[in-house]
Every structure is written in C-alpha cells, then in structure tokens.
Amino acid sequence: MNTEPLTIDIWADIVCPFCFLGWQYIDAALKELPDVSQVSINWHSFQLNPELKPDPAVDLYDYLAKHKNETRQWAIDAHNTLKDQGKAVGIEFNFEHAVVANTAKAHELLKFAETQNLGHQMMLALFRAYFIDGQDLNDTTTLIDIAQAQGLLPEATKQALTERQFLPHVKQDIDLAYQMQVTGVPFVVINRKLAVAGAQPKDVFKQAIQKALS
C-alpha cells in the first residue's frame, strides 16, 4: 500500500440511515488501512424526497409506510433490523423519536460548514441530531444551535440559512449526481475513479480503497 492522498466523495441524504451506516463502514475500513494518509472526506448533497412537506402529526413509521405503500408494521420491522445493524457499528438509532424532515436547509448548513472546513464534522453532527437526538431539522433555530455547537457563528449561520445562500451549492451537488445517473445513496467515489453504490460491508470499502490506490 502506498501513502498517496486519498479522496472519498460521498453523496448522501441526512435522513438516510444507510448513509450513516455506510460512513461507519468506510471509517472502519480506513482504520484497517494505517498506511493510508491524508484522507479527504467530501460530502455531497442528495435529497431522497425533495418535495416533502413535513407534518408534525405524522411520525417516521407512518410517513415511510405511506411513501412505500406498505403497512406501519412493515416500517417498524424494517427499522428494527436497521437498529441491529446500527448497534453493530456503534450507532444507537432512535427512529421512534425521529422528526420527518425536508433536508434542504440542513444540506445548506452542510455547504456553509464546508466554507469553514467543517463539512465532515457537520455531516456527522447532523446524522447524530436526526437519528440519535430526535432533533427537528426542519427548524432553522435548531440548525443554528447545531452549527454553533460545531464552531460556526450563529449570526452568520442564520444569515446563510434565511437568505438561502447555499441552496445553489446543494442543487449543484444533486445535479451532478443525476448526471452520473445516481438514483440512490450512499454513493461513494474513491479518488475520483472508483465508485461504490450503497452501504456496502467494511471489507468491500476496504478492497475498493486498496484498488483505487494501487
């Protein structure tokens, strides 16, 4: 294994549990490749349901049951399986407390954080806020609080979000994904030459990283 810089680009939606799981698998793979240095993680925006209009009366299970034309019990069972997968890699999913969210503004916060070299840190914070802490990512005040906890200035964050300054950056990411015919996330590109679709097991990512560097 050589020690050339490694770039990992990840298209993801903040409310996608497979994206959170996928990152944990990538992280585990990287920890087993100690010779890899200067790893750059770049998160790219993707929205699974950009037209979503949140309804406080509808919880995650009911939303997904309707969205997938399935039963509420199907949604609960599917997420119980995801809970088990999460526990295996250190994620305590709290789906029962999740607030169904349109992630546009949260992605805008991610793009703002990138201008302060806090993109990766912010994405992980947003994952935790949604899946573990049950925070409402539809709410601008909540997003400002998350931003401040990660070191961003609240007034600058408020201005960026209320003026939608980074919405064009979010759309640019999504447009690029469509150009690459990405239809689902996570979608991972390693060193801009090798793609891995989906939350693949750790060993798949490990082998892909080794191949991209070889």
N, C-alpha and C. Protein backbone atom coordinates (compact mmCIF):
# COMPACT_ATOMS: atom_id res chain seq x y z
N MET A 1 0.84 -1.20 0.00
CA MET A 1 0.00 0.00 0.00
C MET A 1 0.87 1.24 0.00
N ASN A 2 0.60 2.17 -0.93
CA ASN A 2 1.36 3.42 -0.91
C ASN A 2 0.68 4.43 0.02
N THR A 3 1.31 5.59 0.15
CA THR A 3 0.78 6.58 1.09
C THR A 3 0.32 7.86 0.39
N GLU A 4 -0.13 7.72 -0.86
CA GLU A 4 -0.61 8.90 -1.56
C GLU A 4 -1.92 9.38 -0.94
N PRO A 5 -2.25 10.67 -1.10
CA PRO A 5 -3.50 11.18 -0.53
C PRO A 5 -4.71 10.42 -1.07
N LEU A 6 -5.70 10.30 -0.23
CA LEU A 6 -6.92 9.58 -0.58
C LEU A 6 -8.10 10.54 -0.48
N THR A 7 -8.89 10.60 -1.54
CA THR A 7 -10.10 11.43 -1.55
C THR A 7 -11.32 10.54 -1.66
N ILE A 8 -12.26 10.74 -0.75
CA ILE A 8 -13.51 9.98 -0.76
C ILE A 8 -14.67 10.97 -0.85
N ASP A 9 -15.42 10.89 -1.95
CA ASP A 9 -16.59 11.73 -2.16
C ASP A 9 -17.84 10.88 -1.90
N ILE A 10 -18.74 11.41 -1.05
CA ILE A 10 -19.92 10.65 -0.65
C ILE A 10 -21.18 11.47 -0.91
N TRP A 11 -22.03 10.98 -1.79
CA TRP A 11 -23.36 11.58 -1.96
C TRP A 11 -24.29 10.93 -0.94
N ALA A 12 -25.00 11.75 -0.18
CA ALA A 12 -25.82 11.22 0.91
C ALA A 12 -26.96 12.17 1.23
N ASP A 13 -28.01 11.61 1.83
CA ASP A 13 -29.05 12.44 2.43
C ASP A 13 -28.98 12.26 3.94
N ILE A 14 -29.20 13.32 4.67
CA ILE A 14 -29.02 13.32 6.11
C ILE A 14 -30.00 12.38 6.80
N VAL A 15 -31.19 12.18 6.21
CA VAL A 15 -32.21 11.32 6.83
C VAL A 15 -32.15 9.89 6.31
N CYS A 16 -31.07 9.54 5.64
CA CYS A 16 -30.91 8.19 5.10
C CYS A 16 -30.08 7.36 6.07
N PRO A 17 -30.69 6.39 6.75
CA PRO A 17 -29.93 5.59 7.72
C PRO A 17 -28.80 4.80 7.07
N PHE A 18 -28.98 4.40 5.82
CA PHE A 18 -27.93 3.65 5.13
C PHE A 18 -26.69 4.53 4.89
N CYS A 19 -26.92 5.83 4.78
CA CYS A 19 -25.78 6.75 4.60
C CYS A 19 -24.96 6.83 5.88
N PHE A 20 -25.64 6.88 7.02
CA PHE A 20 -24.95 6.90 8.32
C PHE A 20 -24.21 5.58 8.51
N LEU A 21 -24.89 4.48 8.22
CA LEU A 21 -24.24 3.16 8.31
C LEU A 21 -23.05 3.07 7.35
N GLY A 22 -23.25 3.56 6.13
CA GLY A 22 -22.18 3.50 5.13
C GLY A 22 -20.93 4.21 5.60
N TRP A 23 -21.12 5.37 6.24
CA TRP A 23 -19.95 6.08 6.75
C TRP A 23 -19.23 5.25 7.82
N GLN A 24 -19.99 4.61 8.69
CA GLN A 24 -19.36 3.79 9.73
C GLN A 24 -18.54 2.67 9.11
N TYR A 25 -19.03 2.08 8.02
CA TYR A 25 -18.30 1.01 7.34
C TYR A 25 -17.03 1.56 6.68
N ILE A 26 -17.15 2.75 6.07
CA ILE A 26 -15.97 3.37 5.47
C ILE A 26 -14.92 3.69 6.53
N ASP A 27 -15.38 4.25 7.63
CA ASP A 27 -14.47 4.62 8.72
C ASP A 27 -13.76 3.38 9.27
N ALA A 28 -14.50 2.29 9.42
CA ALA A 28 -13.90 1.05 9.90
C ALA A 28 -12.86 0.53 8.91
N ALA A 29 -13.15 0.65 7.61
CA ALA A 29 -12.20 0.21 6.59
C ALA A 29 -10.92 1.04 6.66
N LEU A 30 -11.06 2.35 6.82
CA LEU A 30 -9.90 3.23 6.89
C LEU A 30 -9.02 2.90 8.10
N LYS A 31 -9.65 2.53 9.20
CA LYS A 31 -8.89 2.20 10.41
C LYS A 31 -8.07 0.93 10.24
N GLU A 32 -8.45 0.11 9.27
CA GLU A 32 -7.69 -1.11 9.00
C GLU A 32 -6.64 -0.90 7.90
N LEU A 33 -6.52 0.35 7.44
CA LEU A 33 -5.53 0.68 6.42
C LEU A 33 -4.63 1.80 6.96
N PRO A 34 -3.78 1.48 7.93
CA PRO A 34 -2.98 2.51 8.60
C PRO A 34 -1.98 3.21 7.69
N ASP A 35 -1.66 2.62 6.55
CA ASP A 35 -0.69 3.25 5.66
C ASP A 35 -1.31 4.36 4.82
N VAL A 36 -2.64 4.42 4.81
CA VAL A 36 -3.30 5.46 4.03
C VAL A 36 -3.21 6.77 4.80
N SER A 37 -2.68 7.81 4.14
CA SER A 37 -2.51 9.10 4.82
C SER A 37 -3.29 10.18 4.09
N GLN A 38 -3.48 11.31 4.77
CA GLN A 38 -4.11 12.49 4.17
C GLN A 38 -5.45 12.15 3.51
N VAL A 39 -6.35 11.60 4.31
CA VAL A 39 -7.67 11.25 3.78
C VAL A 39 -8.57 12.48 3.77
N SER A 40 -9.13 12.79 2.62
CA SER A 40 -10.06 13.91 2.47
C SER A 40 -11.46 13.36 2.23
N ILE A 41 -12.38 13.67 3.16
CA ILE A 41 -13.76 13.21 3.04
C ILE A 41 -14.63 14.38 2.58
N ASN A 42 -15.27 14.23 1.44
CA ASN A 42 -16.14 15.28 0.89
C ASN A 42 -17.57 14.78 0.79
N TRP A 43 -18.47 15.43 1.52
CA TRP A 43 -19.88 15.05 1.47
C TRP A 43 -20.61 15.88 0.42
N HIS A 44 -21.46 15.22 -0.35
CA HIS A 44 -22.23 15.88 -1.40
C HIS A 44 -23.72 15.67 -1.14
N SER A 45 -24.47 16.70 -1.39
CA SER A 45 -25.90 16.67 -1.06
C SER A 45 -26.71 15.83 -2.05
N PHE A 46 -27.72 15.17 -1.48
CA PHE A 46 -28.70 14.42 -2.27
C PHE A 46 -29.99 14.42 -1.44
N GLN A 47 -31.12 14.56 -2.09
CA GLN A 47 -32.40 14.51 -1.38
C GLN A 47 -33.25 13.36 -1.90
N LEU A 48 -33.63 12.48 -1.01
CA LEU A 48 -34.45 11.34 -1.39
C LEU A 48 -35.88 11.78 -1.68
N ASN A 49 -36.34 12.84 -1.01
CA ASN A 49 -37.71 13.33 -1.25
C ASN A 49 -37.70 14.86 -1.16
N PRO A 50 -37.23 15.52 -2.21
CA PRO A 50 -37.11 16.99 -2.15
C PRO A 50 -38.44 17.71 -2.05
N GLU A 51 -39.54 17.05 -2.41
CA GLU A 51 -40.85 17.69 -2.37
C GLU A 51 -41.56 17.48 -1.03
N LEU A 52 -40.90 16.85 -0.08
CA LEU A 52 -41.53 16.53 1.20
C LEU A 52 -42.00 17.78 1.93
N LYS A 53 -43.27 17.75 2.38
CA LYS A 53 -43.82 18.80 3.23
C LYS A 53 -44.08 18.18 4.60
N PRO A 54 -43.24 18.47 5.57
CA PRO A 54 -43.35 17.82 6.88
C PRO A 54 -44.69 18.07 7.56
N ASP A 55 -45.18 17.06 8.24
CA ASP A 55 -46.42 17.15 9.01
C ASP A 55 -46.11 16.66 10.42
N PRO A 56 -46.19 17.54 11.43
CA PRO A 56 -45.86 17.14 12.80
C PRO A 56 -46.68 15.98 13.33
N ALA A 57 -47.85 15.76 12.73
CA ALA A 57 -48.73 14.68 13.21
C ALA A 57 -48.34 13.32 12.65
N VAL A 58 -47.40 13.29 11.70
CA VAL A 58 -47.01 12.03 11.06
C VAL A 58 -45.61 11.64 11.50
N ASP A 59 -45.49 10.48 12.13
CA ASP A 59 -44.16 10.06 12.57
C ASP A 59 -43.44 9.33 11.44
N LEU A 60 -42.19 8.94 11.69
CA LEU A 60 -41.36 8.33 10.66
C LEU A 60 -41.98 7.05 10.11
N TYR A 61 -42.51 6.22 10.99
CA TYR A 61 -43.06 4.94 10.55
C TYR A 61 -44.28 5.14 9.63
N ASP A 62 -45.17 6.05 10.02
CA ASP A 62 -46.35 6.31 9.18
C ASP A 62 -45.96 6.95 7.85
N TYR A 63 -44.99 7.86 7.92
CA TYR A 63 -44.52 8.52 6.69
C TYR A 63 -43.97 7.49 5.71
N LEU A 64 -43.10 6.61 6.19
CA LEU A 64 -42.48 5.62 5.29
C LEU A 64 -43.49 4.60 4.80
N ALA A 65 -44.42 4.21 5.66
CA ALA A 65 -45.45 3.26 5.24
C ALA A 65 -46.25 3.83 4.06
N LYS A 66 -46.62 5.12 4.18
CA LYS A 66 -47.36 5.75 3.10
C LYS A 66 -46.49 5.94 1.86
N HIS A 67 -45.24 6.37 2.08
CA HIS A 67 -44.33 6.66 0.97
C HIS A 67 -44.01 5.39 0.17
N LYS A 68 -43.92 4.27 0.88
CA LYS A 68 -43.56 2.99 0.24
C LYS A 68 -44.79 2.12 -0.06
N ASN A 69 -45.98 2.64 0.27
CA ASN A 69 -47.22 1.89 0.07
C ASN A 69 -47.16 0.56 0.81
N GLU A 70 -46.72 0.65 2.07
CA GLU A 70 -46.62 -0.52 2.93
C GLU A 70 -47.39 -0.26 4.23
N THR A 71 -47.35 -1.21 5.15
CA THR A 71 -48.02 -1.05 6.43
C THR A 71 -47.08 -0.40 7.45
N ARG A 72 -47.67 0.13 8.50
CA ARG A 72 -46.86 0.70 9.59
C ARG A 72 -45.97 -0.38 10.21
N GLN A 73 -46.52 -1.59 10.36
CA GLN A 73 -45.73 -2.67 10.96
C GLN A 73 -44.53 -3.02 10.09
N TRP A 74 -44.70 -2.97 8.78
CA TRP A 74 -43.57 -3.20 7.88
C TRP A 74 -42.46 -2.19 8.16
N ALA A 75 -42.85 -0.91 8.32
CA ALA A 75 -41.86 0.13 8.59
C ALA A 75 -41.15 -0.09 9.92
N ILE A 76 -41.92 -0.50 10.93
CA ILE A 76 -41.32 -0.76 12.25
C ILE A 76 -40.34 -1.92 12.17
N ASP A 77 -40.75 -3.00 11.51
CA ASP A 77 -39.88 -4.18 11.40
C ASP A 77 -38.60 -3.86 10.63
N ALA A 78 -38.73 -3.09 9.55
CA ALA A 78 -37.56 -2.73 8.75
C ALA A 78 -36.58 -1.90 9.57
N HIS A 79 -37.11 -1.02 10.38
CA HIS A 79 -36.23 -0.16 11.18
C HIS A 79 -35.66 -0.88 12.39
N ASN A 80 -36.36 -1.89 12.87
CA ASN A 80 -35.75 -2.71 13.93
C ASN A 80 -34.53 -3.44 13.40
N THR A 81 -34.59 -3.89 12.16
CA THR A 81 -33.42 -4.51 11.53
C THR A 81 -32.28 -3.50 11.42
N LEU A 82 -32.62 -2.26 11.02
CA LEU A 82 -31.60 -1.21 10.92
C LEU A 82 -31.01 -0.89 12.29
N LYS A 83 -31.84 -0.94 13.33
CA LYS A 83 -31.33 -0.71 14.69
C LYS A 83 -30.25 -1.73 15.04
N ASP A 84 -30.49 -2.99 14.68
CA ASP A 84 -29.50 -4.04 14.96
C ASP A 84 -28.21 -3.78 14.18
N GLN A 85 -28.35 -3.37 12.93
CA GLN A 85 -27.16 -3.08 12.12
C GLN A 85 -26.40 -1.89 12.70
N GLY A 86 -27.14 -0.92 13.20
CA GLY A 86 -26.50 0.24 13.79
C GLY A 86 -25.74 -0.10 15.05
N LYS A 87 -26.35 -0.88 15.92
CA LYS A 87 -25.68 -1.26 17.17
C LYS A 87 -24.36 -1.96 16.90
N ALA A 88 -24.31 -2.72 15.82
CA ALA A 88 -23.08 -3.47 15.49
C ALA A 88 -21.92 -2.54 15.15
N VAL A 89 -22.23 -1.30 14.77
CA VAL A 89 -21.15 -0.35 14.41
C VAL A 89 -21.19 0.90 15.28
N GLY A 90 -21.88 0.82 16.41
CA GLY A 90 -21.82 1.92 17.36
C GLY A 90 -22.85 3.01 17.20
N ILE A 91 -23.92 2.76 16.44
CA ILE A 91 -24.99 3.76 16.28
C ILE A 91 -26.22 3.29 17.05
N GLU A 92 -26.72 4.14 17.94
CA GLU A 92 -27.96 3.84 18.66
C GLU A 92 -29.11 4.59 17.98
N PHE A 93 -29.63 4.01 16.90
CA PHE A 93 -30.73 4.64 16.18
C PHE A 93 -31.96 4.80 17.09
N ASN A 94 -32.54 6.00 17.12
CA ASN A 94 -33.77 6.26 17.86
C ASN A 94 -34.86 6.66 16.87
N PHE A 95 -35.24 5.73 16.02
CA PHE A 95 -36.20 6.05 14.97
C PHE A 95 -37.55 6.51 15.53
N GLU A 96 -37.92 6.00 16.71
CA GLU A 96 -39.22 6.37 17.26
C GLU A 96 -39.30 7.85 17.63
N HIS A 97 -38.14 8.50 17.76
CA HIS A 97 -38.13 9.93 18.09
C HIS A 97 -37.79 10.81 16.88
N ALA A 98 -37.57 10.20 15.73
CA ALA A 98 -37.17 10.96 14.54
C ALA A 98 -38.30 11.87 14.08
N VAL A 99 -37.94 13.10 13.71
CA VAL A 99 -38.90 14.07 13.17
C VAL A 99 -38.72 14.10 11.66
N VAL A 100 -39.77 13.69 10.93
CA VAL A 100 -39.68 13.65 9.47
C VAL A 100 -39.30 15.04 8.95
N ALA A 101 -38.27 15.08 8.11
CA ALA A 101 -37.73 16.38 7.71
C ALA A 101 -37.48 16.47 6.21
N ASN A 102 -37.73 17.67 5.68
CA ASN A 102 -37.20 18.02 4.36
C ASN A 102 -35.79 18.54 4.61
N THR A 103 -34.82 17.92 4.00
CA THR A 103 -33.42 18.16 4.37
C THR A 103 -32.74 19.31 3.61
N ALA A 104 -33.50 20.07 2.84
CA ALA A 104 -32.88 21.12 2.02
C ALA A 104 -32.03 22.07 2.86
N LYS A 105 -32.61 22.63 3.94
CA LYS A 105 -31.87 23.61 4.74
C LYS A 105 -30.71 22.96 5.50
N ALA A 106 -30.88 21.73 5.91
CA ALA A 106 -29.78 21.04 6.58
C ALA A 106 -28.61 20.84 5.62
N HIS A 107 -28.92 20.56 4.36
CA HIS A 107 -27.86 20.45 3.37
C HIS A 107 -27.20 21.82 3.11
N GLU A 108 -28.00 22.86 3.15
CA GLU A 108 -27.43 24.20 3.01
C GLU A 108 -26.47 24.50 4.16
N LEU A 109 -26.82 24.06 5.36
CA LEU A 109 -25.92 24.22 6.50
C LEU A 109 -24.62 23.45 6.27
N LEU A 110 -24.73 22.26 5.73
CA LEU A 110 -23.54 21.47 5.40
C LEU A 110 -22.63 22.23 4.45
N LYS A 111 -23.22 22.82 3.42
CA LYS A 111 -22.41 23.56 2.44
C LYS A 111 -21.77 24.80 3.07
N PHE A 112 -22.50 25.46 3.97
CA PHE A 112 -21.92 26.60 4.69
C PHE A 112 -20.76 26.14 5.56
N ALA A 113 -20.94 25.02 6.24
CA ALA A 113 -19.87 24.48 7.10
C ALA A 113 -18.62 24.16 6.29
N GLU A 114 -18.79 23.73 5.07
CA GLU A 114 -17.64 23.41 4.22
C GLU A 114 -16.76 24.63 3.98
N THR A 115 -17.36 25.81 3.95
CA THR A 115 -16.56 27.03 3.73
C THR A 115 -15.66 27.31 4.92
N GLN A 116 -15.95 26.69 6.06
CA GLN A 116 -15.13 26.85 7.27
C GLN A 116 -14.33 25.57 7.57
N ASN A 117 -14.22 24.69 6.55
CA ASN A 117 -13.50 23.42 6.71
C ASN A 117 -14.11 22.54 7.80
N LEU A 118 -15.44 22.61 7.93
CA LEU A 118 -16.14 21.83 8.94
C LEU A 118 -17.20 20.92 8.32
N GLY A 119 -17.07 20.64 7.04
CA GLY A 119 -18.10 19.87 6.35
C GLY A 119 -18.29 18.47 6.91
N HIS A 120 -17.20 17.73 7.04
CA HIS A 120 -17.29 16.35 7.54
C HIS A 120 -17.83 16.33 8.97
N GLN A 121 -17.30 17.19 9.78
CA GLN A 121 -17.74 17.30 11.17
C GLN A 121 -19.23 17.64 11.25
N MET A 122 -19.68 18.53 10.38
CA MET A 122 -21.08 18.94 10.39
C MET A 122 -21.99 17.81 9.94
N MET A 123 -21.59 17.05 8.91
CA MET A 123 -22.43 15.96 8.44
C MET A 123 -22.65 14.93 9.54
N LEU A 124 -21.60 14.60 10.26
CA LEU A 124 -21.74 13.62 11.34
C LEU A 124 -22.62 14.18 12.46
N ALA A 125 -22.51 15.49 12.72
CA ALA A 125 -23.35 16.12 13.73
C ALA A 125 -24.82 16.09 13.31
N LEU A 126 -25.09 16.30 12.03
CA LEU A 126 -26.47 16.26 11.53
C LEU A 126 -27.04 14.85 11.60
N PHE A 127 -26.22 13.86 11.26
CA PHE A 127 -26.66 12.47 11.42
C PHE A 127 -27.07 12.20 12.87
N ARG A 128 -26.21 12.60 13.80
CA ARG A 128 -26.50 12.36 15.22
C ARG A 128 -27.75 13.11 15.67
N ALA A 129 -27.87 14.35 15.20
CA ALA A 129 -29.03 15.17 15.60
C ALA A 129 -30.34 14.52 15.15
N TYR A 130 -30.33 13.98 13.94
CA TYR A 130 -31.56 13.39 13.41
C TYR A 130 -31.84 12.00 13.96
N PHE A 131 -30.84 11.13 13.86
CA PHE A 131 -31.08 9.71 14.16
C PHE A 131 -30.98 9.37 15.64
N ILE A 132 -30.21 10.11 16.39
CA ILE A 132 -29.97 9.76 17.79
C ILE A 132 -30.71 10.71 18.74
N ASP A 133 -30.63 12.02 18.46
CA ASP A 133 -31.19 13.00 19.38
C ASP A 133 -32.62 13.40 19.05
N GLY A 134 -33.14 12.99 17.88
CA GLY A 134 -34.52 13.30 17.53
C GLY A 134 -34.78 14.78 17.34
N GLN A 135 -33.80 15.52 16.84
CA GLN A 135 -33.97 16.95 16.63
C GLN A 135 -34.70 17.23 15.31
N ASP A 136 -35.38 18.37 15.27
CA ASP A 136 -36.19 18.74 14.11
C ASP A 136 -35.33 19.53 13.12
N LEU A 137 -34.91 18.88 12.05
CA LEU A 137 -34.05 19.53 11.08
C LEU A 137 -34.82 20.43 10.11
N ASN A 138 -36.15 20.51 10.28
CA ASN A 138 -36.94 21.49 9.54
C ASN A 138 -36.79 22.88 10.14
N ASP A 139 -36.35 22.92 11.40
CA ASP A 139 -36.37 24.14 12.19
C ASP A 139 -35.05 24.90 12.10
N THR A 140 -35.10 26.14 11.64
CA THR A 140 -33.88 26.93 11.44
C THR A 140 -33.15 27.16 12.76
N THR A 141 -33.88 27.44 13.83
CA THR A 141 -33.24 27.66 15.13
C THR A 141 -32.48 26.42 15.58
N THR A 142 -33.05 25.26 15.37
CA THR A 142 -32.36 24.01 15.71
C THR A 142 -31.08 23.87 14.90
N LEU A 143 -31.14 24.17 13.61
CA LEU A 143 -29.95 24.08 12.76
C LEU A 143 -28.88 25.06 13.21
N ILE A 144 -29.28 26.25 13.64
CA ILE A 144 -28.31 27.24 14.14
C ILE A 144 -27.64 26.73 15.41
N ASP A 145 -28.42 26.10 16.28
CA ASP A 145 -27.84 25.53 17.51
C ASP A 145 -26.83 24.43 17.19
N ILE A 146 -27.17 23.59 16.23
CA ILE A 146 -26.24 22.52 15.81
C ILE A 146 -24.97 23.15 15.24
N ALA A 147 -25.14 24.18 14.43
CA ALA A 147 -23.99 24.85 13.83
C ALA A 147 -23.09 25.46 14.89
N GLN A 148 -23.69 26.13 15.87
CA GLN A 148 -22.90 26.77 16.92
C GLN A 148 -22.11 25.73 17.72
N ALA A 149 -22.72 24.58 17.96
CA ALA A 149 -22.03 23.51 18.69
C ALA A 149 -20.82 22.99 17.93
N GLN A 150 -20.82 23.17 16.61
CA GLN A 150 -19.70 22.72 15.79
C GLN A 150 -18.71 23.84 15.48
N GLY A 151 -18.94 25.01 16.08
CA GLY A 151 -17.96 26.08 15.94
C GLY A 151 -18.32 27.17 14.94
N LEU A 152 -19.52 27.13 14.38
CA LEU A 152 -19.93 28.17 13.44
C LEU A 152 -20.61 29.32 14.19
N LEU A 153 -20.43 30.52 13.70
CA LEU A 153 -21.05 31.69 14.34
C LEU A 153 -22.55 31.70 14.08
N PRO A 154 -23.36 31.86 15.13
CA PRO A 154 -24.82 31.76 14.95
C PRO A 154 -25.39 32.83 14.02
N GLU A 155 -24.90 34.07 14.09
CA GLU A 155 -25.46 35.11 13.23
C GLU A 155 -25.15 34.85 11.75
N ALA A 156 -23.91 34.41 11.49
CA ALA A 156 -23.54 34.09 10.11
C ALA A 156 -24.34 32.90 9.60
N THR A 157 -24.57 31.93 10.47
CA THR A 157 -25.36 30.76 10.09
C THR A 157 -26.80 31.16 9.80
N LYS A 158 -27.36 31.98 10.67
CA LYS A 158 -28.75 32.45 10.47
C LYS A 158 -28.88 33.18 9.14
N GLN A 159 -27.92 34.04 8.83
CA GLN A 159 -27.97 34.77 7.57
C GLN A 159 -27.89 33.82 6.38
N ALA A 160 -26.96 32.85 6.48
CA ALA A 160 -26.79 31.90 5.37
C ALA A 160 -28.07 31.11 5.12
N LEU A 161 -28.75 30.72 6.21
CA LEU A 161 -29.95 29.89 6.07
C LEU A 161 -31.18 30.70 5.66
N THR A 162 -31.36 31.86 6.26
CA THR A 162 -32.56 32.65 5.95
C THR A 162 -32.49 33.23 4.54
N GLU A 163 -31.28 33.54 4.09
CA GLU A 163 -31.12 34.08 2.73
C GLU A 163 -30.92 32.99 1.68
N ARG A 164 -30.90 31.73 2.15
CA ARG A 164 -30.71 30.56 1.26
C ARG A 164 -29.45 30.71 0.40
N GLN A 165 -28.39 31.20 1.02
CA GLN A 165 -27.16 31.50 0.28
C GLN A 165 -26.53 30.26 -0.36
N PHE A 166 -26.73 29.09 0.27
CA PHE A 166 -26.03 27.90 -0.21
C PHE A 166 -26.94 26.91 -0.93
N LEU A 167 -28.18 27.33 -1.19
CA LEU A 167 -29.09 26.47 -1.94
C LEU A 167 -28.53 26.14 -3.33
N PRO A 168 -27.91 27.09 -4.05
CA PRO A 168 -27.33 26.73 -5.36
C PRO A 168 -26.25 25.65 -5.26
N HIS A 169 -25.51 25.63 -4.16
CA HIS A 169 -24.46 24.61 -3.98
C HIS A 169 -25.09 23.23 -3.77
N VAL A 170 -26.20 23.21 -3.04
CA VAL A 170 -26.92 21.95 -2.84
C VAL A 170 -27.44 21.43 -4.17
N LYS A 171 -28.06 22.32 -4.94
CA LYS A 171 -28.61 21.92 -6.25
C LYS A 171 -27.50 21.45 -7.19
N GLN A 172 -26.34 22.07 -7.09
CA GLN A 172 -25.22 21.67 -7.94
C GLN A 172 -24.80 20.23 -7.64
N ASP A 173 -24.73 19.89 -6.36
CA ASP A 173 -24.40 18.52 -5.97
C ASP A 173 -25.42 17.53 -6.51
N ILE A 174 -26.69 17.87 -6.36
CA ILE A 174 -27.76 16.97 -6.80
C ILE A 174 -27.76 16.82 -8.32
N ASP A 175 -27.55 17.92 -9.02
CA ASP A 175 -27.49 17.87 -10.48
C ASP A 175 -26.34 16.98 -10.95
N LEU A 176 -25.21 17.08 -10.27
CA LEU A 176 -24.06 16.24 -10.63
C LEU A 176 -24.38 14.77 -10.41
N ALA A 177 -25.08 14.48 -9.32
CA ALA A 177 -25.47 13.09 -9.05
C ALA A 177 -26.35 12.55 -10.17
N TYR A 178 -27.30 13.36 -10.61
CA TYR A 178 -28.18 12.92 -11.69
C TYR A 178 -27.41 12.73 -13.00
N GLN A 179 -26.42 13.59 -13.23
CA GLN A 179 -25.59 13.44 -14.43
C GLN A 179 -24.83 12.12 -14.40
N MET A 180 -24.48 11.68 -13.20
CA MET A 180 -23.77 10.40 -13.05
C MET A 180 -24.74 9.23 -12.93
N GLN A 181 -26.04 9.53 -13.09
CA GLN A 181 -27.11 8.53 -13.03
C GLN A 181 -27.19 7.86 -11.65
N VAL A 182 -26.91 8.65 -10.63
CA VAL A 182 -27.09 8.18 -9.25
C VAL A 182 -28.57 8.24 -8.92
N THR A 183 -29.12 7.12 -8.48
CA THR A 183 -30.54 7.07 -8.14
C THR A 183 -30.77 6.77 -6.66
N GLY A 184 -29.71 6.42 -5.95
CA GLY A 184 -29.83 6.12 -4.53
C GLY A 184 -28.53 6.43 -3.81
N VAL A 185 -28.64 6.58 -2.50
CA VAL A 185 -27.47 6.90 -1.69
C VAL A 185 -27.40 5.94 -0.50
N PRO A 186 -26.18 5.77 0.05
CA PRO A 186 -24.94 6.49 -0.27
C PRO A 186 -24.35 6.05 -1.62
N PHE A 187 -23.68 7.00 -2.25
CA PHE A 187 -22.93 6.74 -3.48
C PHE A 187 -21.54 7.30 -3.24
N VAL A 188 -20.55 6.43 -3.30
CA VAL A 188 -19.19 6.77 -2.89
C VAL A 188 -18.24 6.70 -4.08
N VAL A 189 -17.45 7.73 -4.25
CA VAL A 189 -16.43 7.75 -5.30
C VAL A 189 -15.07 7.91 -4.64
N ILE A 190 -14.19 6.96 -4.93
CA ILE A 190 -12.86 6.93 -4.30
C ILE A 190 -11.80 7.39 -5.29
N ASN A 191 -11.08 8.44 -4.89
CA ASN A 191 -10.04 9.03 -5.74
C ASN A 191 -10.54 9.37 -7.14
N ARG A 192 -11.82 9.70 -7.22
CA ARG A 192 -12.46 10.15 -8.46
C ARG A 192 -12.36 9.14 -9.59
N LYS A 193 -12.17 7.87 -9.23
CA LYS A 193 -12.06 6.88 -10.31
C LYS A 193 -12.74 5.55 -10.03
N LEU A 194 -13.18 5.32 -8.80
CA LEU A 194 -13.81 4.05 -8.48
C LEU A 194 -15.04 4.31 -7.62
N ALA A 195 -16.20 3.82 -8.09
CA ALA A 195 -17.47 4.09 -7.39
C ALA A 195 -17.97 2.86 -6.66
N VAL A 196 -18.58 3.10 -5.50
CA VAL A 196 -19.23 2.05 -4.72
C VAL A 196 -20.63 2.55 -4.38
N ALA A 197 -21.64 1.80 -4.79
CA ALA A 197 -23.02 2.20 -4.54
C ALA A 197 -23.58 1.43 -3.34
N GLY A 198 -24.21 2.17 -2.43
CA GLY A 198 -24.87 1.54 -1.30
C GLY A 198 -23.99 1.41 -0.07
N ALA A 199 -24.64 1.05 1.04
CA ALA A 199 -23.92 0.86 2.31
C ALA A 199 -23.30 -0.53 2.33
N GLN A 200 -22.24 -0.68 1.59
CA GLN A 200 -21.59 -1.98 1.46
C GLN A 200 -20.81 -2.33 2.74
N PRO A 201 -20.55 -3.61 2.97
CA PRO A 201 -19.78 -4.01 4.15
C PRO A 201 -18.38 -3.40 4.16
N LYS A 202 -17.82 -3.33 5.35
CA LYS A 202 -16.50 -2.74 5.55
C LYS A 202 -15.48 -3.31 4.58
N ASP A 203 -15.46 -4.62 4.38
CA ASP A 203 -14.43 -5.22 3.54
C ASP A 203 -14.55 -4.80 2.08
N VAL A 204 -15.78 -4.51 1.63
CA VAL A 204 -15.97 -4.03 0.26
C VAL A 204 -15.32 -2.67 0.10
N PHE A 205 -15.55 -1.79 1.05
CA PHE A 205 -14.92 -0.46 1.00
C PHE A 205 -13.40 -0.58 1.13
N LYS A 206 -12.95 -1.46 1.98
CA LYS A 206 -11.50 -1.64 2.16
C LYS A 206 -10.84 -2.08 0.85
N GLN A 207 -11.46 -3.05 0.20
CA GLN A 207 -10.90 -3.53 -1.07
C GLN A 207 -10.96 -2.45 -2.15
N ALA A 208 -12.04 -1.67 -2.16
CA ALA A 208 -12.18 -0.60 -3.14
C ALA A 208 -11.11 0.48 -2.93
N ILE A 209 -10.84 0.82 -1.70
CA ILE A 209 -9.81 1.81 -1.39
C ILE A 209 -8.44 1.29 -1.82
N GLN A 210 -8.16 0.04 -1.52
CA GLN A 210 -6.88 -0.55 -1.90
C GLN A 210 -6.73 -0.56 -3.42
N LYS A 211 -7.82 -0.90 -4.11
CA LYS A 211 -7.78 -0.94 -5.58
C LYS A 211 -7.56 0.45 -6.17
N ALA A 212 -8.25 1.45 -5.58
CA ALA A 212 -8.11 2.81 -6.10
C ALA A 212 -6.70 3.35 -5.90
N LEU A 213 -6.03 2.87 -4.89
CA LEU A 213 -4.67 3.35 -4.58
C LEU A 213 -3.59 2.54 -5.28
N SER A 214 -3.96 1.38 -5.80
CA SER A 214 -2.95 0.50 -6.38
C SER A 214 -2.58 0.92 -7.82
